[in-house]
Amino acid sequence: MEIYNESPIRQGKAFWHYQKGFDTVRREKSTFLARSTFIGAYYKDELIGFMKIVSVGKVAAMMQILSKFSHYDKRPSNALIAKAVEHCAREGMSYLTYGKYRNRNKVLSSLGRFKHRVGFEEVRVPRFYVPLTTKGRICVALGLHRDLVEALPEWLVDFIYRLRAMRGRWRIRASRYSDPEHEG
């Protein structure tokens, strides 16, 4: 919870785990427990980062990786990924996945550049859609099965992401000023 509550903003937008209660965090991290492995990064006796990996056959999927900003200089995320690779090799896993390599139609985000630096590679997997109903046939014919954001130009998607980040920062500042604890 300390890692979750370190900052209300992560990756330029409001962090949806910020200020969640212990029971909520425990319940959310308890999914897929039989197939999960948790790896922690410690500095002295302090947990400064953690990762959850879920095994699906011979593939390990990183469900979450999070580190404290205050210990960024120690690169806990790099250490967590290195341990995850060791774990996967020891368990005979074929792949370690880290979400989508690219975020929609963006060329390469800061997260994508981080993935590249630590050794992840983009693997494109074709998706095929088979309509099972009349409604499904209509949706496929109209192209509604595709992500609508992918149809937008990259500059517009970047602009919308920046607006969303500004809105999140504004909402957090506004909530601080309306909080009686922070009034002078």
Protein backbone atom coordinates (compact mmCIF):
# COMPACT_ATOMS: atom_id res chain seq x y z
CA MET A 1 0.00 0.00 0.00
CA GLU A 2 2.96 2.34 0.59
CA ILE A 3 3.95 1.95 -3.05
CA TYR A 4 0.36 2.56 -4.19
CA ASN A 5 0.02 5.63 -1.98
CA GLU A 6 3.34 7.23 -2.85
CA SER A 7 1.83 9.35 -5.64
CA PRO A 8 -1.66 10.05 -7.02
CA ILE A 9 -0.15 10.35 -10.53
CA ARG A 10 1.72 7.64 -12.46
CA GLN A 11 2.73 7.75 -16.11
CA GLY A 12 1.12 11.17 -16.45
CA LYS A 13 -2.38 10.20 -15.35
CA ALA A 14 -4.34 9.67 -12.14
CA PHE A 15 -3.22 6.40 -10.51
CA TRP A 16 -6.28 4.25 -9.96
CA HIS A 17 -4.76 2.28 -7.05
CA TYR A 18 -4.00 5.45 -5.06
CA GLN A 19 -5.45 5.39 -1.51
CA LYS A 20 -7.16 2.02 -1.78
CA GLY A 21 -7.73 0.23 1.51
CA PHE A 22 -5.79 -2.85 2.61
CA ASP A 23 -8.71 -5.25 2.07
CA THR A 24 -9.28 -3.91 -1.45
CA VAL A 25 -5.60 -4.26 -2.35
CA ARG A 26 -5.45 -7.79 -0.94
CA ARG A 27 -8.60 -8.82 -2.82
CA GLU A 28 -7.31 -7.36 -6.10
CA LYS A 29 -3.90 -9.02 -5.77
CA SER A 30 -5.51 -12.37 -4.87
CA THR A 31 -6.72 -13.13 -8.39
CA PHE A 32 -5.19 -16.22 -10.06
CA LEU A 33 -3.30 -17.07 -6.84
CA ALA A 34 -2.67 -20.71 -7.76
CA ARG A 35 -0.86 -19.57 -10.93
CA SER A 36 0.76 -16.42 -9.48
CA THR A 37 4.28 -15.58 -8.41
CA PHE A 38 5.07 -12.37 -6.53
CA ILE A 39 8.56 -10.90 -6.66
CA GLY A 40 9.66 -8.09 -4.35
CA ALA A 41 12.53 -5.62 -4.59
CA TYR A 42 13.90 -4.56 -1.21
CA TYR A 43 16.29 -1.89 -0.06
CA LYS A 44 17.43 -2.68 3.48
CA ASP A 45 14.13 -3.78 5.06
CA GLU A 46 11.87 -1.66 2.85
CA LEU A 47 9.80 -3.03 -0.03
CA ILE A 48 10.56 -0.62 -2.89
CA GLY A 49 8.94 -2.51 -5.76
CA PHE A 50 6.93 -5.58 -6.60
CA MET A 51 5.75 -7.60 -9.55
CA LYS A 52 2.97 -10.14 -10.06
CA ILE A 53 3.45 -12.82 -12.71
CA VAL A 54 0.67 -15.19 -13.74
CA SER A 55 1.53 -18.44 -15.54
CA VAL A 56 -0.64 -19.59 -18.42
CA GLY A 57 0.79 -22.84 -19.72
CA LYS A 58 4.38 -22.10 -20.80
CA VAL A 59 3.78 -18.33 -20.88
CA ALA A 60 4.27 -16.00 -17.92
CA ALA A 61 2.30 -12.75 -18.05
CA MET A 62 3.37 -9.77 -15.97
CA MET A 63 0.16 -8.54 -14.38
CA GLN A 64 1.71 -5.59 -12.55
CA ILE A 65 5.12 -4.12 -11.90
CA LEU A 66 5.40 -1.10 -9.65
CA SER A 67 8.28 0.65 -7.91
CA LYS A 68 8.65 3.58 -5.55
CA PHE A 69 9.63 6.86 -7.16
CA SER A 70 11.74 7.66 -4.10
CA HIS A 71 14.05 4.72 -4.98
CA TYR A 72 14.18 5.28 -8.73
CA ASP A 73 17.97 5.65 -8.57
CA LYS A 74 18.25 1.96 -7.60
CA ARG A 75 16.31 0.84 -10.71
CA PRO A 76 14.04 -1.64 -8.88
CA SER A 77 11.95 -2.30 -12.00
CA ASN A 78 15.05 -3.51 -13.85
CA ALA A 79 15.92 -5.81 -10.93
CA LEU A 80 12.34 -7.16 -10.82
CA ILE A 81 12.39 -7.97 -14.54
CA ALA A 82 15.78 -9.69 -14.20
CA LYS A 83 14.39 -11.85 -11.36
CA ALA A 84 11.27 -12.60 -13.40
CA VAL A 85 13.45 -13.83 -16.29
CA GLU A 86 15.40 -16.05 -13.86
CA HIS A 87 12.14 -17.41 -12.42
CA CYS A 88 10.73 -18.15 -15.90
CA ALA A 89 13.93 -19.92 -16.98
CA ARG A 90 13.96 -22.01 -13.79
CA GLU A 91 10.28 -22.95 -14.28
CA GLY A 92 10.77 -23.85 -17.96
CA MET A 93 8.57 -21.06 -19.29
CA SER A 94 8.84 -20.25 -23.00
CA TYR A 95 7.85 -16.56 -22.83
CA LEU A 96 7.56 -13.66 -20.43
CA THR A 97 5.03 -11.13 -21.67
CA TYR A 98 4.66 -7.50 -20.62
CA GLY A 99 1.34 -6.29 -22.00
CA LYS A 100 1.14 -4.58 -25.36
CA TYR A 101 4.45 -3.41 -26.76
CA ARG A 102 2.84 -0.36 -28.31
CA ASN A 103 -0.07 1.57 -26.91
CA ARG A 104 -2.66 1.58 -29.68
CA ASN A 105 -1.30 3.47 -32.68
CA LYS A 106 1.42 5.39 -30.83
CA VAL A 107 4.84 4.87 -32.34
CA LEU A 108 6.59 4.05 -29.06
CA SER A 109 5.73 5.44 -25.64
CA SER A 110 8.13 5.90 -22.73
CA LEU A 111 6.89 2.54 -21.42
CA GLY A 112 7.54 0.99 -24.83
CA ARG A 113 11.08 2.41 -24.84
CA PHE A 114 11.62 0.96 -21.34
CA LYS A 115 10.43 -2.46 -22.55
CA HIS A 116 12.85 -2.27 -25.46
CA ARG A 117 15.78 -1.24 -23.21
CA VAL A 118 15.25 -4.20 -20.86
CA GLY A 119 15.09 -6.69 -23.73
CA PHE A 120 11.44 -7.17 -24.65
CA GLU A 121 10.58 -7.49 -28.33
CA GLU A 122 7.35 -6.83 -30.13
CA VAL A 123 5.61 -9.99 -31.35
CA ARG A 124 2.67 -9.27 -33.58
CA VAL A 125 -0.14 -11.80 -33.31
CA PRO A 126 -2.89 -11.74 -35.93
CA ARG A 127 -6.42 -11.54 -34.62
CA PHE A 128 -9.34 -12.99 -36.47
CA TYR A 129 -12.96 -12.19 -35.70
CA VAL A 130 -15.72 -14.62 -36.52
CA PRO A 131 -19.22 -13.22 -36.19
CA LEU A 132 -21.55 -15.65 -34.42
CA THR A 133 -24.77 -13.66 -34.66
CA THR A 134 -26.47 -11.29 -37.06
CA LYS A 135 -25.42 -8.40 -34.82
CA GLY A 136 -21.85 -9.72 -34.99
CA ARG A 137 -21.94 -9.90 -38.80
CA ILE A 138 -23.17 -6.30 -38.96
CA CYS A 139 -20.45 -5.11 -36.56
CA VAL A 140 -17.69 -6.87 -38.52
CA ALA A 141 -19.07 -5.51 -41.82
CA LEU A 142 -19.00 -1.96 -40.38
CA GLY A 143 -15.54 -2.42 -38.86
CA LEU A 144 -16.87 -1.92 -35.33
CA HIS A 145 -14.84 -4.87 -34.03
CA ARG A 146 -11.67 -2.79 -34.38
CA ASP A 147 -10.40 -0.32 -31.79
CA LEU A 148 -11.84 3.02 -32.86
CA VAL A 149 -8.83 4.90 -31.45
CA GLU A 150 -6.60 3.10 -33.97
CA ALA A 151 -8.41 4.99 -36.74
CA LEU A 152 -7.30 8.35 -35.28
CA PRO A 153 -4.01 9.97 -36.33
CA GLU A 154 -1.12 9.57 -33.88
CA TRP A 155 -0.84 13.32 -33.20
CA LEU A 156 -4.50 13.42 -32.11
CA VAL A 157 -4.11 10.40 -29.82
CA ASP A 158 -1.03 12.03 -28.22
CA PHE A 159 -2.98 15.29 -27.78
CA ILE A 160 -5.89 13.45 -26.12
CA TYR A 161 -3.46 11.61 -23.78
CA ARG A 162 -1.86 14.94 -22.81
CA LEU A 163 -5.29 16.46 -22.12
CA ARG A 164 -6.21 13.47 -19.95
CA ALA A 165 -2.98 13.81 -17.97
CA MET A 166 -3.55 17.56 -17.48
CA ARG A 167 -7.11 16.86 -16.31
CA GLY A 168 -5.86 14.27 -13.81
CA ARG A 169 -3.24 16.66 -12.40
CA TRP A 170 -5.82 19.46 -12.22
CA ARG A 171 -8.30 17.24 -10.35
CA ILE A 172 -5.65 16.25 -7.81
CA ARG A 173 -4.59 19.87 -7.25
CA ALA A 174 -8.23 20.92 -6.93
CA SER A 175 -8.91 18.19 -4.36
CA ARG A 176 -5.87 19.30 -2.32
CA TYR A 177 -7.09 22.90 -2.22
CA SER A 178 -10.57 21.85 -1.19
CA ASP A 179 -9.16 19.64 1.61
CA PRO A 180 -9.41 21.51 4.97
CA GLU A 181 -6.16 19.84 6.10
CA HIS A 182 -4.18 21.73 3.44
CA GLU A 183 -5.75 25.12 4.02
CA GLY A 184 -3.45 27.78 5.44
